[in-house]
Amino acid sequence: MEPLLWLLVPLAAALGASLWAWYVSRPHPADVWTDVDRYDRLRASLARGAAPGRKEEPAGAGAR
């Protein structure tokens, strides 16, 4: 039984390494609040350029 116990050590190390590799390789979700903040800033900056009744041209309008 003792020789089989020594086989348990490499088996546990291989199992731990495979679980670590699986965890590292899978895609992790991005930070939701950072994405929401970025979307809000983009929406606000685009809305500033398309406001009705503006006297000046929107940003990038003179680049035609």
N, C-alpha and C. Protein backbone atom coordinates (compact mmCIF):
# COMPACT_ATOMS: atom_id res chain seq x y z
N MET A 1 0.82 -1.20 0.00
CA MET A 1 0.00 0.00 0.00
C MET A 1 0.86 1.26 0.00
N GLU A 2 2.03 1.19 0.64
CA GLU A 2 2.90 2.37 0.71
C GLU A 2 3.40 2.81 -0.67
N PRO A 3 3.77 1.89 -1.58
CA PRO A 3 4.18 2.37 -2.92
C PRO A 3 3.04 3.07 -3.67
N LEU A 4 1.82 2.64 -3.45
CA LEU A 4 0.69 3.31 -4.09
C LEU A 4 0.46 4.69 -3.52
N LEU A 5 0.83 4.89 -2.25
CA LEU A 5 0.71 6.20 -1.63
C LEU A 5 1.66 7.20 -2.28
N TRP A 6 2.84 6.76 -2.70
CA TRP A 6 3.79 7.65 -3.39
C TRP A 6 3.27 8.04 -4.77
N LEU A 7 2.44 7.22 -5.36
CA LEU A 7 1.84 7.59 -6.64
C LEU A 7 0.77 8.67 -6.47
N LEU A 8 0.27 8.81 -5.25
CA LEU A 8 -0.75 9.80 -4.99
C LEU A 8 -0.19 11.23 -5.07
N VAL A 9 1.07 11.42 -4.72
CA VAL A 9 1.68 12.75 -4.75
C VAL A 9 1.76 13.29 -6.18
N PRO A 10 2.33 12.59 -7.15
CA PRO A 10 2.32 13.13 -8.52
C PRO A 10 0.92 13.25 -9.11
N LEU A 11 0.02 12.36 -8.72
CA LEU A 11 -1.35 12.45 -9.20
C LEU A 11 -2.02 13.72 -8.67
N ALA A 12 -1.81 14.05 -7.41
CA ALA A 12 -2.39 15.27 -6.85
C ALA A 12 -1.76 16.51 -7.50
N ALA A 13 -0.46 16.46 -7.77
CA ALA A 13 0.20 17.60 -8.41
C ALA A 13 -0.33 17.78 -9.84
N ALA A 14 -0.52 16.70 -10.56
CA ALA A 14 -1.04 16.79 -11.92
C ALA A 14 -2.48 17.31 -11.92
N LEU A 15 -3.27 16.88 -10.97
CA LEU A 15 -4.64 17.35 -10.87
C LEU A 15 -4.67 18.84 -10.54
N GLY A 16 -3.83 19.27 -9.61
CA GLY A 16 -3.76 20.69 -9.28
C GLY A 16 -3.30 21.53 -10.45
N ALA A 17 -2.31 21.05 -11.20
CA ALA A 17 -1.81 21.78 -12.36
C ALA A 17 -2.87 21.87 -13.45
N SER A 18 -3.63 20.81 -13.64
CA SER A 18 -4.65 20.86 -14.69
C SER A 18 -5.79 21.79 -14.29
N LEU A 19 -6.17 21.81 -13.01
CA LEU A 19 -7.20 22.75 -12.57
C LEU A 19 -6.73 24.19 -12.69
N TRP A 20 -5.48 24.44 -12.34
CA TRP A 20 -4.93 25.80 -12.47
C TRP A 20 -4.91 26.23 -13.94
N ALA A 21 -4.47 25.33 -14.83
CA ALA A 21 -4.43 25.65 -16.26
C ALA A 21 -5.82 25.92 -16.81
N TRP A 22 -6.80 25.16 -16.35
CA TRP A 22 -8.18 25.38 -16.81
C TRP A 22 -8.68 26.74 -16.33
N TYR A 23 -8.41 27.08 -15.09
CA TYR A 23 -8.89 28.34 -14.53
C TYR A 23 -8.23 29.53 -15.23
N VAL A 24 -6.96 29.44 -15.53
CA VAL A 24 -6.24 30.54 -16.16
C VAL A 24 -6.66 30.72 -17.62
N SER A 25 -6.96 29.64 -18.31
CA SER A 25 -7.24 29.72 -19.74
C SER A 25 -8.66 30.15 -20.06
N ARG A 26 -9.58 30.00 -19.12
CA ARG A 26 -10.97 30.36 -19.44
C ARG A 26 -11.14 31.88 -19.39
N PRO A 27 -12.00 32.43 -20.24
CA PRO A 27 -12.18 33.89 -20.25
C PRO A 27 -12.91 34.36 -18.99
N HIS A 28 -12.39 35.41 -18.41
CA HIS A 28 -13.01 36.00 -17.23
C HIS A 28 -13.87 37.19 -17.65
N PRO A 29 -15.01 37.38 -17.02
CA PRO A 29 -15.84 38.53 -17.38
C PRO A 29 -15.14 39.84 -17.03
N ALA A 30 -15.36 40.83 -17.86
CA ALA A 30 -14.76 42.14 -17.63
C ALA A 30 -15.46 42.83 -16.47
N ASP A 31 -14.85 43.87 -15.99
CA ASP A 31 -15.45 44.64 -14.92
C ASP A 31 -16.67 45.37 -15.47
N VAL A 32 -17.84 45.00 -14.98
CA VAL A 32 -19.09 45.52 -15.53
C VAL A 32 -19.21 47.02 -15.30
N TRP A 33 -18.82 47.51 -14.13
CA TRP A 33 -18.99 48.93 -13.83
C TRP A 33 -18.07 49.78 -14.68
N THR A 34 -16.87 49.31 -14.99
CA THR A 34 -15.97 50.06 -15.87
C THR A 34 -16.58 50.16 -17.27
N ASP A 35 -17.17 49.06 -17.75
CA ASP A 35 -17.79 49.09 -19.07
C ASP A 35 -18.99 50.04 -19.10
N VAL A 36 -19.78 50.06 -18.04
CA VAL A 36 -20.94 50.94 -17.99
C VAL A 36 -20.49 52.40 -17.97
N ASP A 37 -19.48 52.71 -17.17
CA ASP A 37 -18.95 54.08 -17.12
C ASP A 37 -18.41 54.50 -18.48
N ARG A 38 -17.69 53.61 -19.13
CA ARG A 38 -17.13 53.93 -20.45
C ARG A 38 -18.24 54.17 -21.46
N TYR A 39 -19.30 53.36 -21.42
CA TYR A 39 -20.43 53.54 -22.32
C TYR A 39 -21.13 54.87 -22.06
N ASP A 40 -21.32 55.21 -20.79
CA ASP A 40 -21.98 56.48 -20.46
C ASP A 40 -21.16 57.67 -20.94
N ARG A 41 -19.83 57.61 -20.79
CA ARG A 41 -18.99 58.72 -21.27
C ARG A 41 -19.05 58.83 -22.78
N LEU A 42 -19.03 57.70 -23.48
CA LEU A 42 -19.11 57.72 -24.94
C LEU A 42 -20.46 58.28 -25.39
N ARG A 43 -21.53 57.84 -24.76
CA ARG A 43 -22.86 58.33 -25.11
C ARG A 43 -22.98 59.83 -24.85
N ALA A 44 -22.43 60.30 -23.75
CA ALA A 44 -22.50 61.72 -23.42
C ALA A 44 -21.68 62.54 -24.42
N SER A 45 -20.52 62.04 -24.82
CA SER A 45 -19.70 62.80 -25.76
C SER A 45 -20.34 62.83 -27.15
N LEU A 46 -21.00 61.76 -27.54
CA LEU A 46 -21.69 61.75 -28.84
C LEU A 46 -22.94 62.63 -28.79
N ALA A 47 -23.60 62.68 -27.67
CA ALA A 47 -24.80 63.51 -27.55
C ALA A 47 -24.45 64.99 -27.58
N ARG A 48 -23.28 65.36 -27.08
CA ARG A 48 -22.88 66.76 -27.12
C ARG A 48 -22.72 67.24 -28.56
N GLY A 49 -22.25 66.38 -29.46
CA GLY A 49 -22.04 66.77 -30.84
C GLY A 49 -23.31 66.80 -31.66
N ALA A 50 -24.37 66.15 -31.21
CA ALA A 50 -25.61 66.06 -31.99
C ALA A 50 -26.75 66.84 -31.36
N ALA A 51 -26.44 67.79 -30.49
CA ALA A 51 -27.49 68.55 -29.82
C ALA A 51 -28.19 69.47 -30.82
N PRO A 52 -29.51 69.52 -30.81
CA PRO A 52 -30.23 70.40 -31.74
C PRO A 52 -30.05 71.87 -31.35
N GLY A 53 -29.98 72.74 -32.34
CA GLY A 53 -29.88 74.16 -32.11
C GLY A 53 -28.48 74.67 -31.84
N ARG A 54 -27.49 73.85 -32.09
CA ARG A 54 -26.11 74.32 -31.87
C ARG A 54 -25.68 75.22 -33.00
N LYS A 55 -24.95 76.26 -32.69
CA LYS A 55 -24.46 77.20 -33.69
C LYS A 55 -23.16 76.71 -34.33
N GLU A 56 -22.35 76.02 -33.56
CA GLU A 56 -21.07 75.54 -34.08
C GLU A 56 -21.23 74.13 -34.64
N GLU A 57 -20.29 73.73 -35.48
CA GLU A 57 -20.37 72.39 -36.05
C GLU A 57 -19.95 71.36 -35.03
N PRO A 58 -20.52 70.16 -35.14
CA PRO A 58 -20.11 69.09 -34.21
C PRO A 58 -18.64 68.72 -34.44
N ALA A 59 -18.05 68.10 -33.48
CA ALA A 59 -16.66 67.69 -33.57
C ALA A 59 -16.47 66.74 -34.75
N GLY A 60 -15.49 66.99 -35.56
CA GLY A 60 -15.19 66.14 -36.71
C GLY A 60 -15.98 66.48 -37.96
N ALA A 61 -16.82 67.50 -37.93
CA ALA A 61 -17.63 67.82 -39.09
C ALA A 61 -16.81 68.48 -40.19
N GLY A 62 -15.72 69.15 -39.82
CA GLY A 62 -14.90 69.83 -40.83
C GLY A 62 -13.86 68.93 -41.48
N ALA A 63 -13.86 67.66 -41.16
CA ALA A 63 -12.84 66.75 -41.68
C ALA A 63 -13.28 66.05 -42.95
N ARG A 64 -14.19 66.60 -43.69
CA ARG A 64 -14.69 65.94 -44.92
C ARG A 64 -13.74 66.09 -46.06
